[in-house]
N, C-alpha and C. Protein backbone atom coordinates (compact mmCIF):
# COMPACT_ATOMS: atom_id res chain seq x y z
N MET A 1 99.12 90.70 111.23
CA MET A 1 100.51 91.56 111.70
C MET A 1 100.04 92.76 110.67
N SER A 2 100.21 94.25 110.85
CA SER A 2 99.92 94.63 109.49
C SER A 2 100.89 95.04 109.23
N ARG A 3 100.46 95.58 107.53
CA ARG A 3 101.34 95.80 106.85
C ARG A 3 102.21 96.92 107.02
N ALA A 4 102.04 97.94 107.60
CA ALA A 4 103.06 99.02 107.93
C ALA A 4 104.03 98.33 108.96
N ILE A 5 103.55 97.30 110.03
CA ILE A 5 104.64 96.61 111.18
C ILE A 5 105.91 96.09 110.03
N ILE A 6 105.34 95.33 109.25
CA ILE A 6 106.04 94.24 108.40
C ILE A 6 106.93 94.98 107.24
N VAL A 7 106.35 96.06 107.04
CA VAL A 7 107.25 96.95 106.17
C VAL A 7 108.50 97.96 106.95
N ASN A 8 108.10 98.26 108.30
CA ASN A 8 109.07 98.75 109.07
C ASN A 8 110.15 97.56 109.36
N ILE A 9 109.86 96.60 109.90
CA ILE A 9 110.23 95.39 110.40
C ILE A 9 111.59 95.33 109.30
N ILE A 10 111.21 94.93 107.91
CA ILE A 10 112.23 94.91 106.56
C ILE A 10 112.88 96.20 106.73
N ARG A 11 112.52 97.18 106.77
CA ARG A 11 113.10 98.27 106.56
C ARG A 11 114.42 98.57 107.43
N PHE A 12 113.84 98.14 109.02
CA PHE A 12 114.99 97.98 110.06
C PHE A 12 116.06 96.93 109.40
N VAL A 13 115.64 95.92 109.20
CA VAL A 13 116.66 95.20 109.39
C VAL A 13 117.73 95.21 107.20
N VAL A 14 116.87 95.65 106.67
CA VAL A 14 118.05 96.20 105.41
C VAL A 14 118.37 97.28 105.91
N LEU A 15 118.21 98.09 106.49
CA LEU A 15 119.25 99.77 106.87
C LEU A 15 120.09 99.08 107.47
N VAL A 16 119.68 98.44 108.84
CA VAL A 16 120.79 97.75 109.27
C VAL A 16 122.03 97.14 108.87
N PHE A 17 121.88 96.27 107.91
CA PHE A 17 122.04 95.38 106.86
C PHE A 17 123.42 96.15 106.33
N ILE A 18 122.52 96.90 105.47
CA ILE A 18 123.16 97.80 104.65
C ILE A 18 124.41 98.85 105.38
N GLN A 19 124.07 99.50 106.59
CA GLN A 19 124.95 100.32 107.25
C GLN A 19 125.85 99.49 107.63
N VAL A 20 125.63 98.03 108.37
CA VAL A 20 126.92 97.53 109.00
C VAL A 20 127.99 96.53 108.34
N PHE A 21 127.71 96.36 107.06
CA PHE A 21 128.07 95.49 106.04
C PHE A 21 128.45 95.99 104.66
N LEU A 22 128.00 96.79 104.49
CA LEU A 22 128.26 98.06 103.16
C LEU A 22 129.24 99.19 103.65
N LEU A 23 128.24 99.66 104.07
CA LEU A 23 128.56 101.36 104.56
C LEU A 23 129.68 101.74 105.28
N LYS A 24 129.64 101.11 106.54
CA LYS A 24 130.88 100.96 107.29
C LYS A 24 132.26 101.06 106.69
N ASN A 25 132.73 99.88 105.77
CA ASN A 25 133.75 100.30 104.85
C ASN A 25 133.73 101.46 104.05
N ILE A 26 133.08 102.54 103.97
CA ILE A 26 132.84 103.42 102.99
C ILE A 26 133.21 105.03 103.91
N THR A 27 134.25 105.16 103.57
CA THR A 27 134.74 106.26 104.52
C THR A 27 135.58 107.15 103.17
N LEU A 28 134.93 108.54 102.75
CA LEU A 28 135.43 109.18 102.19
C LEU A 28 136.69 110.33 102.52
N TYR A 29 138.25 109.96 102.98
CA TYR A 29 139.33 110.57 103.25
C TYR A 29 138.84 110.94 104.62
N ASN A 30 138.59 109.88 105.56
CA ASN A 30 138.19 110.23 106.97
C ASN A 30 137.33 111.37 107.01
N LEU A 31 136.49 111.72 106.06
CA LEU A 31 135.95 113.22 106.64
C LEU A 31 134.43 112.93 106.30
N SER A 32 134.07 111.73 105.27
CA SER A 32 132.47 111.79 105.12
C SER A 32 132.05 110.34 105.19
N THR A 33 131.39 109.89 106.33
CA THR A 33 131.06 108.50 106.50
C THR A 33 129.46 108.49 106.41
N PRO A 34 128.53 107.84 105.80
CA PRO A 34 127.16 107.80 105.61
C PRO A 34 126.69 106.69 106.76
N TYR A 35 125.85 107.43 107.08
CA TYR A 35 124.88 106.93 108.25
C TYR A 35 123.09 106.75 107.70
N LEU A 36 123.01 106.04 106.76
CA LEU A 36 121.55 106.04 105.68
C LEU A 36 120.84 105.07 107.10
N TYR A 37 121.34 104.32 107.98
CA TYR A 37 120.28 103.98 109.09
C TYR A 37 119.31 104.66 109.39
N ILE A 38 119.72 105.84 109.96
CA ILE A 38 119.03 106.76 110.04
C ILE A 38 117.43 106.97 109.32
N LEU A 39 117.91 106.50 108.60
CA LEU A 39 116.62 106.79 107.79
C LEU A 39 115.23 105.76 107.72
N PHE A 40 115.66 104.98 108.89
CA PHE A 40 114.71 103.97 109.37
C PHE A 40 113.79 105.14 110.57
N ILE A 41 114.01 105.69 111.05
CA ILE A 41 113.50 106.47 112.26
C ILE A 41 113.18 107.94 111.26
N LEU A 42 113.51 108.13 110.60
CA LEU A 42 113.14 109.15 109.42
C LEU A 42 111.82 108.85 108.96
N LEU A 43 111.70 107.79 108.61
CA LEU A 43 110.33 106.87 107.60
C LEU A 43 109.29 106.56 108.35
N LEU A 44 109.48 106.34 109.88
CA LEU A 44 108.43 105.93 110.73
C LEU A 44 107.24 106.64 110.58
N PRO A 45 106.07 106.26 110.67
CA PRO A 45 104.52 106.54 110.37
C PRO A 45 104.44 107.46 111.26
N PHE A 46 103.59 109.01 111.07
CA PHE A 46 103.42 110.10 111.34
C PHE A 46 102.57 109.60 113.14
N GLU A 47 101.90 108.61 113.01
CA GLU A 47 101.21 108.76 114.42
C GLU A 47 101.41 107.21 115.02
N ILE A 48 102.99 106.80 115.11
CA ILE A 48 103.73 106.36 116.06
C ILE A 48 103.73 106.89 117.42
N PRO A 49 103.48 106.16 118.50
CA PRO A 49 103.38 106.95 119.60
C PRO A 49 104.62 107.44 119.93
N ASN A 50 105.24 108.49 120.89
CA ASN A 50 106.33 109.12 120.83
C ASN A 50 107.31 107.76 121.64
N ILE A 51 106.77 107.19 122.99
CA ILE A 51 107.48 106.53 123.55
C ILE A 51 107.77 105.16 122.51
N LEU A 52 107.02 105.08 121.80
CA LEU A 52 107.64 103.97 120.57
C LEU A 52 108.30 104.28 119.67
N LEU A 53 108.43 105.40 119.61
CA LEU A 53 109.33 105.96 118.34
C LEU A 53 110.94 106.05 119.78
N PHE A 54 110.80 106.36 120.50
CA PHE A 54 112.07 106.87 121.10
C PHE A 54 112.77 105.32 121.41
N LEU A 55 111.78 104.30 121.99
CA LEU A 55 112.51 102.63 122.09
C LEU A 55 113.29 102.40 120.91
N LEU A 56 112.57 102.44 119.77
CA LEU A 56 112.92 102.15 118.33
C LEU A 56 114.44 102.57 117.52
N ALA A 57 114.06 104.44 118.25
CA ALA A 57 115.50 104.57 117.97
C ALA A 57 116.84 104.21 118.83
N PHE A 58 116.36 103.95 119.96
CA PHE A 58 117.26 103.42 121.13
C PHE A 58 117.74 102.23 120.33
N ILE A 59 116.83 101.49 119.95
CA ILE A 59 116.94 99.98 119.87
C ILE A 59 117.81 100.00 118.20
N ILE A 60 117.56 100.43 117.45
CA ILE A 60 118.49 100.32 116.22
C ILE A 60 120.07 101.39 116.40
N GLY A 61 119.92 102.95 117.40
CA GLY A 61 121.11 103.27 117.60
C GLY A 61 122.39 101.95 118.46
N LEU A 62 121.43 101.24 118.95
CA LEU A 62 122.27 100.43 120.00
C LEU A 62 122.61 99.12 119.04
N THR A 63 121.57 98.52 118.29
CA THR A 63 122.16 97.83 117.38
C THR A 63 123.68 98.20 116.37
N VAL A 64 123.34 99.17 115.70
CA VAL A 64 124.44 100.04 115.04
C VAL A 64 125.47 100.04 115.87
N ASP A 65 125.64 100.60 117.09
CA ASP A 65 126.55 100.62 118.29
C ASP A 65 127.26 98.95 118.56
N ALA A 66 126.42 98.25 118.50
CA ALA A 66 127.15 96.80 119.03
C ALA A 66 128.28 96.36 117.78
N PHE A 67 128.02 96.95 116.48
CA PHE A 67 128.65 96.49 115.43
C PHE A 67 129.64 97.49 115.07
N TYR A 68 129.55 98.82 115.29
CA TYR A 68 130.32 99.54 115.24
C TYR A 68 131.40 99.98 116.57
N ASN A 69 131.31 99.03 117.90
CA ASN A 69 132.16 98.99 118.95
C ASN A 69 132.25 100.18 119.40
N THR A 70 131.06 101.02 119.81
CA THR A 70 130.53 102.64 119.96
C THR A 70 129.59 102.55 120.94
N PRO A 71 130.18 102.30 122.17
CA PRO A 71 129.34 102.28 123.20
C PRO A 71 128.42 103.26 123.78
N GLY A 72 127.19 103.37 122.83
CA GLY A 72 125.81 104.28 123.43
C GLY A 72 126.17 105.53 122.15
N LEU A 73 127.07 105.89 121.44
CA LEU A 73 127.19 106.98 120.56
C LEU A 73 125.93 106.95 119.74
N HIS A 74 125.80 105.71 119.20
CA HIS A 74 124.54 105.82 117.90
C HIS A 74 122.89 105.93 118.62
N ALA A 75 122.89 105.00 119.99
CA ALA A 75 121.82 105.10 120.61
C ALA A 75 121.36 106.26 121.23
N ALA A 76 122.24 107.36 121.61
CA ALA A 76 122.16 108.53 122.15
C ALA A 76 121.91 109.64 120.82
N SER A 77 122.46 109.21 119.95
CA SER A 77 122.28 110.36 118.77
C SER A 77 121.07 110.01 118.01
N CYS A 78 120.32 108.62 118.05
CA CYS A 78 119.38 108.28 117.48
C CYS A 78 118.21 108.97 118.11
N VAL A 79 118.18 108.66 119.58
CA VAL A 79 117.07 109.20 120.78
C VAL A 79 116.88 110.66 120.23
N LEU A 80 118.20 111.47 120.32
CA LEU A 80 118.21 113.28 119.97
C LEU A 80 117.07 112.91 118.92
N LEU A 81 117.90 112.37 118.08
CA LEU A 81 117.24 112.52 116.39
C LEU A 81 115.41 112.02 116.10
N ALA A 82 114.85 111.19 117.03
CA ALA A 82 114.02 110.81 117.73
C ALA A 82 113.07 112.20 118.00
N PHE A 83 113.66 112.65 119.07
CA PHE A 83 112.75 114.13 119.79
C PHE A 83 112.77 115.23 118.60
N ALA A 84 113.93 115.60 118.06
CA ALA A 84 113.99 116.21 116.71
C ALA A 84 112.86 116.25 115.94
N ARG A 85 112.96 115.04 115.77
CA ARG A 85 111.76 114.35 114.72
C ARG A 85 110.09 114.98 115.07
N VAL A 86 110.15 114.77 116.31
CA VAL A 86 108.87 115.09 117.04
C VAL A 86 108.36 116.36 117.02
N LEU A 87 109.69 116.92 117.17
CA LEU A 87 109.38 119.01 117.49
C LEU A 87 109.31 119.24 115.57
N PHE A 88 110.13 118.55 114.68
CA PHE A 88 110.02 118.79 113.34
C PHE A 88 108.30 118.75 112.78
N ILE A 89 108.08 117.39 113.06
CA ILE A 89 106.97 117.26 112.49
C ILE A 89 105.94 117.92 113.02
N SER A 90 105.84 118.37 114.27
CA SER A 90 104.78 119.02 115.15
C SER A 90 104.78 120.34 114.66
N ILE A 91 105.67 121.36 114.29
CA ILE A 91 105.96 122.48 113.72
C ILE A 91 105.40 122.33 112.33
N THR A 92 105.94 121.54 111.26
CA THR A 92 105.85 121.60 110.01
C THR A 92 104.84 121.24 109.34
N VAL A 93 104.27 119.96 109.93
CA VAL A 93 102.90 119.30 109.07
C VAL A 93 101.67 120.04 109.32
N GLN A 94 101.34 120.38 110.49
CA GLN A 94 100.07 121.00 110.73
C GLN A 94 99.98 122.24 109.97
N LYS A 95 100.95 122.90 109.53
CA LYS A 95 101.04 123.98 108.92
C LYS A 95 100.70 124.01 107.76
N ASP A 96 101.59 122.37 106.96
CA ASP A 96 101.56 122.63 105.45
C ASP A 96 99.83 121.59 105.35
N GLY A 97 99.52 121.59 106.40
CA GLY A 97 98.36 120.65 105.88
C GLY A 97 98.69 119.29 105.41
N PHE A 98 99.57 118.63 105.73
CA PHE A 98 100.03 117.37 105.73
C PHE A 98 99.15 116.05 106.68
N ASP A 99 98.54 117.05 107.29
CA ASP A 99 97.52 115.40 108.58
C ASP A 99 96.99 114.24 107.68
N ASN A 100 96.85 114.48 106.84
CA ASN A 100 96.02 113.07 106.56
C ASN A 100 97.04 111.91 106.07
N GLU A 101 98.23 112.48 105.81
CA GLU A 101 99.64 111.49 104.99
C GLU A 101 99.95 110.77 106.67
N PRO A 102 100.13 109.35 105.70
CA PRO A 102 100.66 108.25 106.78
C PRO A 102 101.70 107.95 107.32
N GLU A 103 102.92 108.66 106.60
CA GLU A 103 104.28 108.71 106.74
C GLU A 103 104.84 109.67 106.26
N PRO A 104 106.45 110.25 106.68
CA PRO A 104 106.99 111.26 105.59
C PRO A 104 108.03 110.51 104.63
N THR A 105 107.35 110.20 103.50
CA THR A 105 108.15 109.53 102.72
C THR A 105 108.49 110.72 101.66
N LEU A 106 109.26 110.36 100.97
CA LEU A 106 109.74 111.04 99.70
C LEU A 106 108.59 111.70 98.85
N SER A 107 107.74 110.99 98.18
CA SER A 107 106.60 110.37 97.47
C SER A 107 105.58 110.68 98.01
N ILE A 108 105.06 111.22 99.02
CA ILE A 108 103.90 111.59 99.55
C ILE A 108 103.75 113.21 100.24
N MET A 109 105.39 113.45 100.51
CA MET A 109 105.50 114.91 101.01
C MET A 109 105.96 115.44 100.00
N GLY A 110 106.41 115.16 98.99
CA GLY A 110 106.94 115.99 98.27
C GLY A 110 108.87 116.36 98.73
N PHE A 111 109.47 117.01 97.23
CA PHE A 111 111.08 116.93 97.30
C PHE A 111 111.04 117.85 98.40
N ARG A 112 110.63 119.21 98.48
CA ARG A 112 111.25 120.14 99.19
C ARG A 112 110.57 120.15 100.80
N TRP A 113 109.69 119.29 100.71
CA TRP A 113 109.57 119.21 102.46
C TRP A 113 110.12 117.86 102.95
N PHE A 114 110.56 117.15 102.33
CA PHE A 114 111.64 115.86 102.52
C PHE A 114 112.82 115.92 102.49
N PHE A 115 113.56 117.12 102.04
CA PHE A 115 114.75 117.67 101.87
C PHE A 115 115.04 118.51 103.02
N THR A 116 114.01 119.47 103.44
CA THR A 116 114.41 120.17 104.37
C THR A 116 114.57 119.49 105.85
N TYR A 117 113.47 118.33 105.58
CA TYR A 117 113.24 117.29 107.19
C TYR A 117 114.09 116.57 107.17
N ALA A 118 115.31 115.94 106.11
CA ALA A 118 116.36 114.99 105.86
C ALA A 118 117.65 116.07 106.29
N VAL A 119 117.75 116.89 105.92
CA VAL A 119 118.96 117.96 105.94
C VAL A 119 119.06 118.40 107.37
N ILE A 120 117.91 118.66 107.85
CA ILE A 120 118.07 119.14 109.29
C ILE A 120 118.39 118.24 110.19
N LEU A 121 117.79 116.90 110.16
CA LEU A 121 117.35 116.39 111.53
C LEU A 121 119.13 115.68 111.34
N THR A 122 119.24 115.22 109.72
CA THR A 122 120.55 114.64 109.37
C THR A 122 122.05 115.18 110.15
N LEU A 123 122.06 116.58 109.86
CA LEU A 123 122.54 117.83 110.57
C LEU A 123 122.51 117.52 112.08
N LEU A 124 121.40 117.52 112.72
CA LEU A 124 121.86 117.58 113.82
C LEU A 124 122.23 116.16 114.49
N HIS A 125 121.84 115.17 113.70
CA HIS A 125 121.98 113.98 114.13
C HIS A 125 123.78 113.67 114.21
N HIS A 126 124.01 113.63 112.93
CA HIS A 126 125.47 114.10 112.75
C HIS A 126 126.23 114.84 113.66
N PHE A 127 126.07 116.13 114.06
CA PHE A 127 126.70 116.84 114.86
C PHE A 127 126.98 116.38 116.14
N PHE A 128 125.42 115.62 116.59
CA PHE A 128 125.94 115.36 117.97
C PHE A 128 126.43 114.24 118.35
N LEU A 129 126.45 112.78 117.07
CA LEU A 129 127.40 112.05 117.39
C LEU A 129 128.51 112.08 116.81
N PHE A 130 129.46 113.41 116.45
CA PHE A 130 130.63 113.47 116.15
C PHE A 130 131.45 114.17 117.20
N ASN A 131 130.24 114.88 117.75
CA ASN A 131 130.96 115.47 118.73
C ASN A 131 131.07 114.79 120.10
N LEU A 132 130.13 113.67 120.50
CA LEU A 132 130.18 112.74 121.47
C LEU A 132 131.45 112.01 121.04
N GLU A 133 131.92 111.78 119.91
CA GLU A 133 132.92 110.63 119.37
C GLU A 133 134.21 111.53 120.01
N VAL A 134 134.04 112.71 119.42
CA VAL A 134 135.38 113.50 119.81
C VAL A 134 135.55 113.92 121.23
N PHE A 135 134.57 114.27 121.41
CA PHE A 135 134.29 115.29 122.90
C PHE A 135 135.77 115.88 123.34
N ARG A 136 135.86 116.96 122.32
CA ARG A 136 137.23 117.92 122.83
C ARG A 136 136.68 119.20 121.76
N LEU A 137 136.85 120.14 122.23
CA LEU A 137 136.81 121.56 121.50
C LEU A 137 137.06 121.96 120.78
N SER A 138 138.61 121.36 121.05
CA SER A 138 139.97 121.74 119.87
C SER A 138 139.77 121.36 118.59
N GLU A 139 139.22 120.14 118.51
CA GLU A 139 139.15 119.93 116.97
C GLU A 139 137.56 120.25 116.60
N ILE A 140 137.21 121.24 116.77
CA ILE A 140 135.84 121.89 116.19
C ILE A 140 135.35 122.05 114.73
N GLN A 141 137.04 122.59 114.26
CA GLN A 141 137.08 122.71 113.00
C GLN A 141 136.53 121.28 112.17
N TYR A 142 137.44 120.41 112.62
CA TYR A 142 137.37 118.94 111.95
C TYR A 142 136.03 118.47 112.13
N THR A 143 135.52 118.28 113.07
CA THR A 143 134.32 117.94 113.67
C THR A 143 133.38 118.34 112.90
N LEU A 144 133.02 119.96 112.33
CA LEU A 144 132.35 120.30 111.55
C LEU A 144 132.52 120.40 110.28
N THR A 145 133.56 119.83 109.74
CA THR A 145 133.77 119.50 108.52
C THR A 145 133.23 118.31 108.16
N ARG A 146 133.43 117.35 109.27
CA ARG A 146 133.16 115.98 109.14
C ARG A 146 131.54 115.79 109.04
N VAL A 147 130.72 116.74 109.99
CA VAL A 147 129.43 116.64 110.15
C VAL A 147 128.74 117.29 108.62
N VAL A 148 128.92 118.13 108.28
CA VAL A 148 128.36 118.90 106.93
C VAL A 148 128.98 117.38 106.02
N LEU A 149 130.11 117.35 105.77
CA LEU A 149 130.27 116.02 104.55
C LEU A 149 129.48 114.97 104.78
N SER A 150 129.42 114.58 105.98
CA SER A 150 128.83 113.04 105.85
C SER A 150 127.26 113.04 105.79
N ALA A 151 126.97 114.41 106.60
CA ALA A 151 125.61 114.50 106.36
C ALA A 151 124.91 114.77 104.66
N ALA A 152 125.58 115.35 104.17
CA ALA A 152 125.68 115.55 102.56
C ALA A 152 125.60 114.39 101.89
N PHE A 153 126.55 113.46 102.43
CA PHE A 153 126.69 112.17 101.67
C PHE A 153 125.31 110.96 101.91
N THR A 154 125.22 111.14 103.38
CA THR A 154 123.92 110.63 103.87
C THR A 154 122.77 111.15 103.48
N VAL A 155 122.40 112.34 103.08
CA VAL A 155 121.03 112.57 102.44
C VAL A 155 121.26 112.45 100.66
N PHE A 156 122.56 112.17 100.14
CA PHE A 156 122.34 112.31 99.24
C PHE A 156 122.11 110.67 98.79
N LEU A 157 122.45 109.61 99.35
CA LEU A 157 121.84 108.57 99.74
C LEU A 157 120.46 107.91 100.14
N MET A 158 120.09 109.27 101.21
CA MET A 158 118.17 108.96 101.58
C MET A 158 117.71 109.26 99.85
N LEU A 159 117.63 110.69 99.22
CA LEU A 159 117.57 110.93 97.97
C LEU A 159 117.26 109.77 97.20
N ILE A 160 118.50 109.28 96.83
CA ILE A 160 118.63 108.26 95.99
C ILE A 160 117.78 106.65 96.68
N SER A 161 117.42 106.47 97.49
CA SER A 161 117.01 105.70 97.87
C SER A 161 115.40 105.71 98.11
N GLY A 162 115.31 107.18 98.30
CA GLY A 162 113.54 107.59 98.10
C GLY A 162 113.34 107.63 96.66
N LEU A 163 114.19 107.94 95.74
CA LEU A 163 113.76 107.79 94.13
C LEU A 163 113.55 106.84 93.55
N LEU A 164 114.18 105.46 94.49
CA LEU A 164 114.04 104.33 93.92
C LEU A 164 112.74 103.96 94.54
N PHE A 165 112.40 104.19 95.53
CA PHE A 165 111.35 103.96 95.86
C PHE A 165 109.88 104.68 95.73
N TYR A 166 109.89 105.20 94.95
CA TYR A 166 109.00 106.42 94.71
C TYR A 166 107.69 105.94 93.77
N ARG A 167 106.76 106.06 94.41
CA ARG A 167 105.70 105.33 94.08
C ARG A 167 104.70 106.39 92.90
N SER A 168 104.72 106.35 91.76
CA SER A 168 104.24 107.54 91.03
C SER A 168 102.59 107.79 90.93
N LYS A 169 101.80 106.70 91.94
CA LYS A 169 100.42 107.12 91.99
C LYS A 169 100.26 108.03 93.49
N GLU A 170 101.32 108.17 93.89
CA GLU A 170 101.31 109.14 94.76
C GLU A 170 101.95 110.67 94.91
N ARG A 171 102.44 110.55 94.02
CA ARG A 171 103.13 112.00 93.27
C ARG A 171 101.57 113.39 93.17
N LYS A 172 102.25 114.00 93.97
CA LYS A 172 101.77 115.10 94.05
C LYS A 172 102.01 116.64 93.22
């Protein structure tokens, strides 16, 4: 097995474990809930085939759904996230000249690109997830507040974890 496959299997297990056994119980005033598990989808290598990306996104979403008792909400949101990831990378990576890089990590891509990438995709994921959860336009203000605060909390945790595993030899 290649090193990248082993790293991604470990990343999958660790992120699901952290999400289910630690972050599930952290909610700030019922407005902000971090969903760090989406970092698995965001950090998959650039060269991963789209069908495998969608399959892995569905599997991690379904795994979280099993523990959260939410039939299909996370799976649908993760598949949408994977689709948006493909679009975002196809638009930005060729323009910025990052064609030779193996994966979109903070240490490889730099802070500005990774921050933009994480914020846009996290907001999209959370918007879709919370709207599926509520499924009412009458609570749109509350839903949008939850989206923004949860995305901020999630991106903050992503940046913290990115800085913890920042490799100095790859700095730009």
